[in-house]
């Protein structure tokens, strides 16, 4: 039995086939990040995680009989899947929470620069349903 050294083997990059989806999901995250940071006070007043997600969803996505506050989302990201939209909302809420925690820690430390919120992130969307 012989062993195979992976150092000499070319490793495959299987993420190229998801290029368009990856770019689209990152654009959605950037778009949602911009207004969630602005609406963080209204979102923080809600006690349950599901209520926060529903509020953000109502702000960006129009449904029958209800118009979205940020109508641009449905125009820019037409037919965007709901499971990826929920994932983007949850990830955005986590990013805003991390930023607020970093900002609170920074206020006691005068030696460093103020942390800035990064609207653009290099997240990879969960595509588990496609890989099965």
N, C-alpha and C. Protein backbone atom coordinates (compact mmCIF):
# COMPACT_ATOMS: atom_id res chain seq x y z
N UNK A 1 0.84 -1.18 0.00
CA UNK A 1 0.00 0.00 0.00
C UNK A 1 0.89 1.24 0.00
N UNK A 2 0.63 2.12 -0.93
CA UNK A 2 1.42 3.35 -1.02
C UNK A 2 0.57 4.54 -0.60
N UNK A 3 1.21 5.48 0.01
CA UNK A 3 0.51 6.70 0.44
C UNK A 3 0.61 7.78 -0.62
N UNK A 4 -0.33 8.66 -0.64
CA UNK A 4 -0.33 9.76 -1.58
C UNK A 4 -0.03 11.05 -0.83
N UNK A 5 0.93 11.78 -1.31
CA UNK A 5 1.27 13.05 -0.68
C UNK A 5 0.39 14.14 -1.30
N UNK A 6 -0.29 14.85 -0.47
CA UNK A 6 -1.15 15.92 -0.99
C UNK A 6 -0.36 17.17 -1.35
N UNK A 7 0.87 17.26 -0.87
CA UNK A 7 1.68 18.43 -1.19
C UNK A 7 2.00 18.48 -2.68
N UNK A 8 2.02 17.32 -3.33
CA UNK A 8 2.33 17.28 -4.75
C UNK A 8 1.08 17.24 -5.62
N UNK A 9 -0.05 17.02 -5.01
CA UNK A 9 -1.30 16.95 -5.75
C UNK A 9 -1.94 18.32 -5.80
N UNK A 10 -2.49 18.66 -6.91
CA UNK A 10 -3.21 19.92 -7.03
C UNK A 10 -4.57 19.78 -6.34
N UNK A 11 -4.85 20.69 -5.41
CA UNK A 11 -6.13 20.67 -4.71
C UNK A 11 -7.17 21.36 -5.58
N UNK A 12 -8.35 20.81 -5.62
CA UNK A 12 -9.41 21.35 -6.45
C UNK A 12 -10.15 22.46 -5.73
N UNK A 13 -10.57 23.45 -6.49
CA UNK A 13 -11.38 24.53 -5.94
C UNK A 13 -12.80 24.32 -6.46
N UNK A 14 -13.67 23.80 -5.62
CA UNK A 14 -15.04 23.51 -6.03
C UNK A 14 -15.98 24.68 -5.87
N UNK A 15 -15.48 25.83 -5.44
CA UNK A 15 -16.37 26.98 -5.24
C UNK A 15 -16.58 27.78 -6.51
N UNK A 16 -15.87 27.48 -7.58
CA UNK A 16 -16.03 28.24 -8.83
C UNK A 16 -17.43 28.07 -9.43
N UNK A 17 -18.04 26.92 -9.23
CA UNK A 17 -19.36 26.69 -9.80
C UNK A 17 -20.43 27.52 -9.10
N UNK A 18 -20.12 28.04 -7.92
CA UNK A 18 -21.07 28.88 -7.19
C UNK A 18 -20.74 30.36 -7.34
N UNK A 19 -19.96 30.72 -8.32
CA UNK A 19 -19.49 32.09 -8.46
C UNK A 19 -20.59 33.13 -8.48
N UNK A 20 -21.61 32.93 -9.32
CA UNK A 20 -22.70 33.91 -9.42
C UNK A 20 -23.49 33.98 -8.12
N UNK A 21 -23.79 32.82 -7.52
CA UNK A 21 -24.54 32.79 -6.26
C UNK A 21 -23.75 33.46 -5.15
N UNK A 22 -22.46 33.20 -5.11
CA UNK A 22 -21.61 33.79 -4.10
C UNK A 22 -21.57 35.31 -4.23
N UNK A 23 -21.40 35.82 -5.43
CA UNK A 23 -21.39 37.26 -5.66
C UNK A 23 -22.73 37.88 -5.29
N UNK A 24 -23.81 37.24 -5.68
CA UNK A 24 -25.15 37.74 -5.39
C UNK A 24 -25.40 37.78 -3.88
N UNK A 25 -25.03 36.72 -3.16
CA UNK A 25 -25.24 36.68 -1.71
C UNK A 25 -24.42 37.73 -1.00
N UNK A 26 -23.21 37.97 -1.46
CA UNK A 26 -22.38 39.01 -0.85
C UNK A 26 -22.94 40.40 -1.13
N UNK A 27 -23.52 40.60 -2.31
CA UNK A 27 -24.17 41.88 -2.61
C UNK A 27 -25.38 42.10 -1.71
N UNK A 28 -26.15 41.04 -1.48
CA UNK A 28 -27.31 41.13 -0.58
C UNK A 28 -26.86 41.48 0.83
N UNK A 29 -25.80 40.82 1.31
CA UNK A 29 -25.28 41.12 2.64
C UNK A 29 -24.85 42.57 2.76
N UNK A 30 -24.18 43.06 1.75
CA UNK A 30 -23.74 44.46 1.77
C UNK A 30 -24.93 45.40 1.82
N UNK A 31 -25.97 45.10 1.04
CA UNK A 31 -27.16 45.95 1.00
C UNK A 31 -27.90 45.92 2.34
N UNK A 32 -28.09 44.74 2.90
CA UNK A 32 -28.82 44.61 4.15
C UNK A 32 -28.03 45.21 5.32
N UNK A 33 -26.70 45.07 5.30
CA UNK A 33 -25.86 45.63 6.35
C UNK A 33 -26.04 47.14 6.48
N UNK A 34 -26.20 47.82 5.37
CA UNK A 34 -26.27 49.28 5.39
C UNK A 34 -27.48 49.79 6.15
N UNK A 35 -28.62 49.15 6.00
CA UNK A 35 -29.79 49.70 6.68
C UNK A 35 -30.04 49.06 8.04
N UNK A 36 -29.53 47.85 8.29
CA UNK A 36 -29.70 47.24 9.61
C UNK A 36 -28.91 48.04 10.65
N UNK A 37 -27.75 48.54 10.27
CA UNK A 37 -26.99 49.37 11.20
C UNK A 37 -27.75 50.66 11.49
N UNK A 38 -28.42 51.20 10.49
CA UNK A 38 -29.21 52.42 10.70
C UNK A 38 -30.45 52.16 11.54
N UNK A 39 -31.05 50.98 11.42
CA UNK A 39 -32.28 50.63 12.13
C UNK A 39 -32.02 49.84 13.41
N UNK A 40 -30.78 49.80 13.88
CA UNK A 40 -30.42 48.93 15.01
C UNK A 40 -31.17 49.28 16.29
N UNK A 41 -31.56 50.54 16.47
CA UNK A 41 -32.29 50.92 17.68
C UNK A 41 -33.67 50.27 17.70
N UNK A 42 -34.38 50.31 16.56
CA UNK A 42 -35.70 49.68 16.48
C UNK A 42 -35.60 48.16 16.60
N UNK A 43 -34.55 47.59 16.04
CA UNK A 43 -34.37 46.14 16.08
C UNK A 43 -34.01 45.69 17.49
N UNK A 44 -33.20 46.46 18.19
CA UNK A 44 -32.76 46.08 19.53
C UNK A 44 -33.89 46.14 20.55
N UNK A 45 -34.94 46.90 20.28
CA UNK A 45 -36.07 46.99 21.20
C UNK A 45 -36.88 45.70 21.27
N UNK A 46 -36.77 44.87 20.25
CA UNK A 46 -37.50 43.60 20.24
C UNK A 46 -36.75 42.56 21.06
N UNK A 47 -37.52 41.76 21.79
CA UNK A 47 -36.88 40.82 22.71
C UNK A 47 -36.53 39.48 22.07
N UNK A 48 -37.29 39.02 21.11
CA UNK A 48 -37.07 37.69 20.53
C UNK A 48 -36.33 37.79 19.20
N UNK A 49 -35.48 36.79 18.96
CA UNK A 49 -34.70 36.73 17.73
C UNK A 49 -35.60 36.63 16.50
N UNK A 50 -36.64 35.83 16.60
CA UNK A 50 -37.55 35.65 15.46
C UNK A 50 -38.29 36.95 15.14
N UNK A 51 -38.66 37.72 16.16
CA UNK A 51 -39.32 39.00 15.94
C UNK A 51 -38.39 39.98 15.23
N UNK A 52 -37.10 39.93 15.57
CA UNK A 52 -36.12 40.79 14.90
C UNK A 52 -35.99 40.43 13.43
N UNK A 53 -35.90 39.13 13.16
CA UNK A 53 -35.79 38.68 11.77
C UNK A 53 -37.03 39.08 10.98
N UNK A 54 -38.21 38.92 11.58
CA UNK A 54 -39.45 39.29 10.90
C UNK A 54 -39.51 40.79 10.63
N UNK A 55 -39.03 41.61 11.56
CA UNK A 55 -39.02 43.06 11.34
C UNK A 55 -38.12 43.42 10.17
N UNK A 56 -36.94 42.84 10.13
CA UNK A 56 -36.01 43.13 9.03
C UNK A 56 -36.59 42.65 7.71
N UNK A 57 -37.21 41.48 7.73
CA UNK A 57 -37.82 40.95 6.51
C UNK A 57 -38.93 41.87 6.01
N UNK A 58 -39.73 42.41 6.94
CA UNK A 58 -40.79 43.35 6.54
C UNK A 58 -40.22 44.66 6.02
N UNK A 59 -39.04 45.05 6.49
CA UNK A 59 -38.43 46.28 6.02
C UNK A 59 -37.90 46.16 4.60
N UNK A 60 -37.43 44.97 4.22
CA UNK A 60 -36.78 44.85 2.91
C UNK A 60 -37.61 44.12 1.87
N UNK A 61 -38.57 43.30 2.27
CA UNK A 61 -39.28 42.46 1.30
C UNK A 61 -40.77 42.75 1.30
N UNK A 62 -41.30 43.07 0.13
CA UNK A 62 -42.73 43.33 -0.02
C UNK A 62 -43.48 42.01 -0.14
N UNK A 63 -44.66 41.96 0.44
CA UNK A 63 -45.55 40.81 0.29
C UNK A 63 -46.90 41.35 -0.15
N UNK A 64 -47.82 40.47 -0.44
CA UNK A 64 -49.13 40.93 -0.89
C UNK A 64 -49.81 41.74 0.20
N UNK A 65 -50.20 42.94 -0.12
CA UNK A 65 -50.87 43.81 0.84
C UNK A 65 -49.94 44.58 1.76
N UNK A 66 -48.63 44.38 1.65
CA UNK A 66 -47.67 45.07 2.51
C UNK A 66 -46.48 45.51 1.68
N UNK A 67 -46.23 46.82 1.67
CA UNK A 67 -45.09 47.35 0.93
C UNK A 67 -43.88 47.46 1.85
N UNK A 68 -42.72 47.18 1.32
CA UNK A 68 -41.49 47.26 2.10
C UNK A 68 -41.06 48.72 2.25
N UNK A 69 -40.39 49.01 3.35
CA UNK A 69 -39.87 50.36 3.57
C UNK A 69 -38.72 50.62 2.61
N UNK A 70 -37.82 49.64 2.46
CA UNK A 70 -36.71 49.73 1.54
C UNK A 70 -37.08 48.94 0.28
N UNK A 71 -37.78 49.60 -0.63
CA UNK A 71 -38.32 48.91 -1.81
C UNK A 71 -37.24 48.52 -2.80
N UNK A 72 -36.07 49.08 -2.66
CA UNK A 72 -34.97 48.78 -3.57
C UNK A 72 -34.57 47.31 -3.57
N UNK A 73 -34.73 46.65 -2.44
CA UNK A 73 -34.28 45.26 -2.33
C UNK A 73 -34.98 44.36 -3.35
N UNK A 74 -36.30 44.47 -3.44
CA UNK A 74 -37.05 43.62 -4.38
C UNK A 74 -36.73 43.95 -5.83
N UNK A 75 -36.36 45.19 -6.09
CA UNK A 75 -36.01 45.57 -7.46
C UNK A 75 -34.61 45.07 -7.83
N UNK A 76 -33.67 45.21 -6.90
CA UNK A 76 -32.30 44.81 -7.18
C UNK A 76 -32.11 43.30 -7.14
N UNK A 77 -32.82 42.63 -6.24
CA UNK A 77 -32.62 41.20 -6.05
C UNK A 77 -33.94 40.47 -6.29
N UNK A 78 -34.41 40.57 -7.49
CA UNK A 78 -35.67 39.94 -7.88
C UNK A 78 -35.53 38.42 -7.80
N UNK A 79 -36.53 37.76 -7.26
CA UNK A 79 -36.57 36.29 -7.15
C UNK A 79 -35.44 35.73 -6.28
N UNK A 80 -35.00 36.48 -5.29
CA UNK A 80 -33.96 36.00 -4.38
C UNK A 80 -34.60 34.98 -3.43
N UNK A 81 -34.02 33.79 -3.28
CA UNK A 81 -34.64 32.74 -2.46
C UNK A 81 -34.80 33.15 -1.00
N UNK A 82 -35.90 32.74 -0.41
CA UNK A 82 -36.21 33.15 0.96
C UNK A 82 -35.24 32.56 1.98
N UNK A 83 -34.76 31.33 1.74
CA UNK A 83 -33.83 30.73 2.71
C UNK A 83 -32.50 31.47 2.71
N UNK A 84 -32.05 31.98 1.55
CA UNK A 84 -30.83 32.78 1.51
C UNK A 84 -31.06 34.17 2.10
N UNK A 85 -32.28 34.70 1.93
CA UNK A 85 -32.61 36.00 2.52
C UNK A 85 -32.59 35.90 4.05
N UNK A 86 -33.17 34.84 4.60
CA UNK A 86 -33.14 34.65 6.05
C UNK A 86 -31.71 34.47 6.56
N UNK A 87 -30.89 33.76 5.81
CA UNK A 87 -29.49 33.56 6.18
C UNK A 87 -28.75 34.90 6.16
N UNK A 88 -29.02 35.72 5.16
CA UNK A 88 -28.37 37.03 5.08
C UNK A 88 -28.80 37.93 6.23
N UNK A 89 -30.07 37.87 6.60
CA UNK A 89 -30.57 38.68 7.72
C UNK A 89 -29.92 38.23 9.02
N UNK A 90 -29.84 36.93 9.25
CA UNK A 90 -29.24 36.42 10.49
C UNK A 90 -27.75 36.77 10.55
N UNK A 91 -27.06 36.66 9.44
CA UNK A 91 -25.64 36.99 9.43
C UNK A 91 -25.42 38.49 9.63
N UNK A 92 -26.29 39.30 9.07
CA UNK A 92 -26.19 40.74 9.26
C UNK A 92 -26.41 41.12 10.71
N UNK A 93 -27.41 40.49 11.35
CA UNK A 93 -27.66 40.78 12.76
C UNK A 93 -26.45 40.40 13.60
N UNK A 94 -25.81 39.29 13.28
CA UNK A 94 -24.60 38.89 13.99
C UNK A 94 -23.46 39.87 13.78
N UNK A 95 -23.31 40.36 12.55
CA UNK A 95 -22.26 41.32 12.25
C UNK A 95 -22.46 42.64 12.98
N UNK A 96 -23.69 43.11 13.04
CA UNK A 96 -23.98 44.36 13.75
C UNK A 96 -23.75 44.17 15.25
N UNK A 97 -24.15 43.03 15.77
CA UNK A 97 -23.93 42.74 17.19
C UNK A 97 -22.44 42.70 17.51
N UNK A 98 -21.64 42.05 16.67
CA UNK A 98 -20.19 42.01 16.87
C UNK A 98 -19.60 43.41 16.83
N UNK A 99 -20.07 44.23 15.89
CA UNK A 99 -19.56 45.59 15.80
C UNK A 99 -19.89 46.40 17.04
N UNK A 100 -21.12 46.26 17.54
CA UNK A 100 -21.51 47.00 18.75
C UNK A 100 -20.68 46.55 19.95
N UNK A 101 -20.38 45.27 20.05
CA UNK A 101 -19.53 44.77 21.14
C UNK A 101 -18.11 45.31 21.04
N UNK A 102 -17.55 45.30 19.82
CA UNK A 102 -16.21 45.86 19.62
C UNK A 102 -16.18 47.34 19.96
N UNK A 103 -17.23 48.06 19.59
CA UNK A 103 -17.32 49.49 19.87
C UNK A 103 -17.40 49.75 21.37
N UNK A 104 -18.15 48.93 22.09
CA UNK A 104 -18.27 49.09 23.54
C UNK A 104 -16.92 48.81 24.22
N UNK A 105 -16.19 47.80 23.76
CA UNK A 105 -14.87 47.53 24.33
C UNK A 105 -13.87 48.63 24.01
N UNK A 106 -13.99 49.22 22.81
CA UNK A 106 -13.07 50.27 22.40
C UNK A 106 -13.24 51.53 23.22
N UNK A 107 -14.44 51.84 23.67
CA UNK A 107 -14.69 53.07 24.40
C UNK A 107 -13.89 53.16 25.69
N UNK A 108 -13.50 52.06 26.27
CA UNK A 108 -12.68 52.08 27.46
C UNK A 108 -11.19 52.13 27.15
N UNK A 109 -10.82 51.97 25.88
CA UNK A 109 -9.42 51.91 25.48
C UNK A 109 -9.13 53.09 24.56
N UNK A 110 -8.31 54.03 25.00
CA UNK A 110 -8.03 55.23 24.21
C UNK A 110 -6.83 55.08 23.29
N UNK A 111 -6.14 53.95 23.34
CA UNK A 111 -4.90 53.82 22.58
C UNK A 111 -5.12 53.47 21.11
N UNK A 112 -6.22 52.85 20.79
CA UNK A 112 -6.42 52.37 19.42
C UNK A 112 -7.46 53.21 18.69
N UNK A 113 -7.57 52.94 17.39
CA UNK A 113 -8.56 53.65 16.56
C UNK A 113 -9.94 53.06 16.79
N UNK A 114 -10.94 53.86 16.47
CA UNK A 114 -12.33 53.41 16.60
C UNK A 114 -12.60 52.32 15.56
N UNK A 115 -13.24 51.22 15.96
CA UNK A 115 -13.55 50.16 14.99
C UNK A 115 -14.61 50.63 14.00
N UNK A 116 -14.42 50.29 12.75
CA UNK A 116 -15.36 50.67 11.69
C UNK A 116 -16.17 49.46 11.27
N UNK A 117 -17.41 49.71 10.92
CA UNK A 117 -18.28 48.62 10.48
C UNK A 117 -18.02 48.33 9.01
N UNK A 118 -17.73 47.08 8.70
CA UNK A 118 -17.46 46.67 7.33
C UNK A 118 -18.77 46.22 6.68
N UNK A 119 -19.23 46.99 5.70
CA UNK A 119 -20.47 46.62 5.01
C UNK A 119 -20.25 45.42 4.09
N UNK A 120 -19.09 45.36 3.48
CA UNK A 120 -18.78 44.26 2.57
C UNK A 120 -18.09 43.15 3.35
N UNK A 121 -18.60 41.93 3.25
CA UNK A 121 -17.96 40.80 3.93
C UNK A 121 -17.79 39.65 2.94
N UNK A 122 -16.86 38.78 3.24
CA UNK A 122 -16.57 37.65 2.37
C UNK A 122 -17.18 36.37 2.94
N UNK A 123 -18.45 36.40 3.16
CA UNK A 123 -19.14 35.25 3.72
C UNK A 123 -19.48 34.26 2.61
N UNK A 124 -19.58 33.01 3.00
CA UNK A 124 -19.98 31.96 2.07
C UNK A 124 -21.38 31.49 2.46
N UNK A 125 -22.34 31.55 1.55
CA UNK A 125 -23.72 31.17 1.90
C UNK A 125 -23.82 29.66 2.14
N UNK A 126 -24.73 29.29 3.01
CA UNK A 126 -24.96 27.87 3.30
C UNK A 126 -25.72 27.27 2.13
N UNK A 127 -25.09 26.33 1.46
CA UNK A 127 -25.72 25.69 0.30
C UNK A 127 -25.88 24.19 0.54
N UNK A 128 -26.15 23.79 1.76
CA UNK A 128 -26.25 22.39 2.12
C UNK A 128 -27.31 21.63 1.35
N UNK A 129 -28.40 22.28 0.98
CA UNK A 129 -29.46 21.59 0.26
C UNK A 129 -29.03 21.23 -1.15
N UNK A 130 -28.08 21.99 -1.71
CA UNK A 130 -27.62 21.70 -3.08
C UNK A 130 -26.58 20.59 -3.09
N UNK A 131 -25.88 20.41 -1.98
CA UNK A 131 -24.76 19.47 -1.96
C UNK A 131 -25.17 18.05 -1.61
N UNK A 132 -26.38 17.82 -1.19
CA UNK A 132 -26.82 16.48 -0.81
C UNK A 132 -27.07 15.61 -2.00
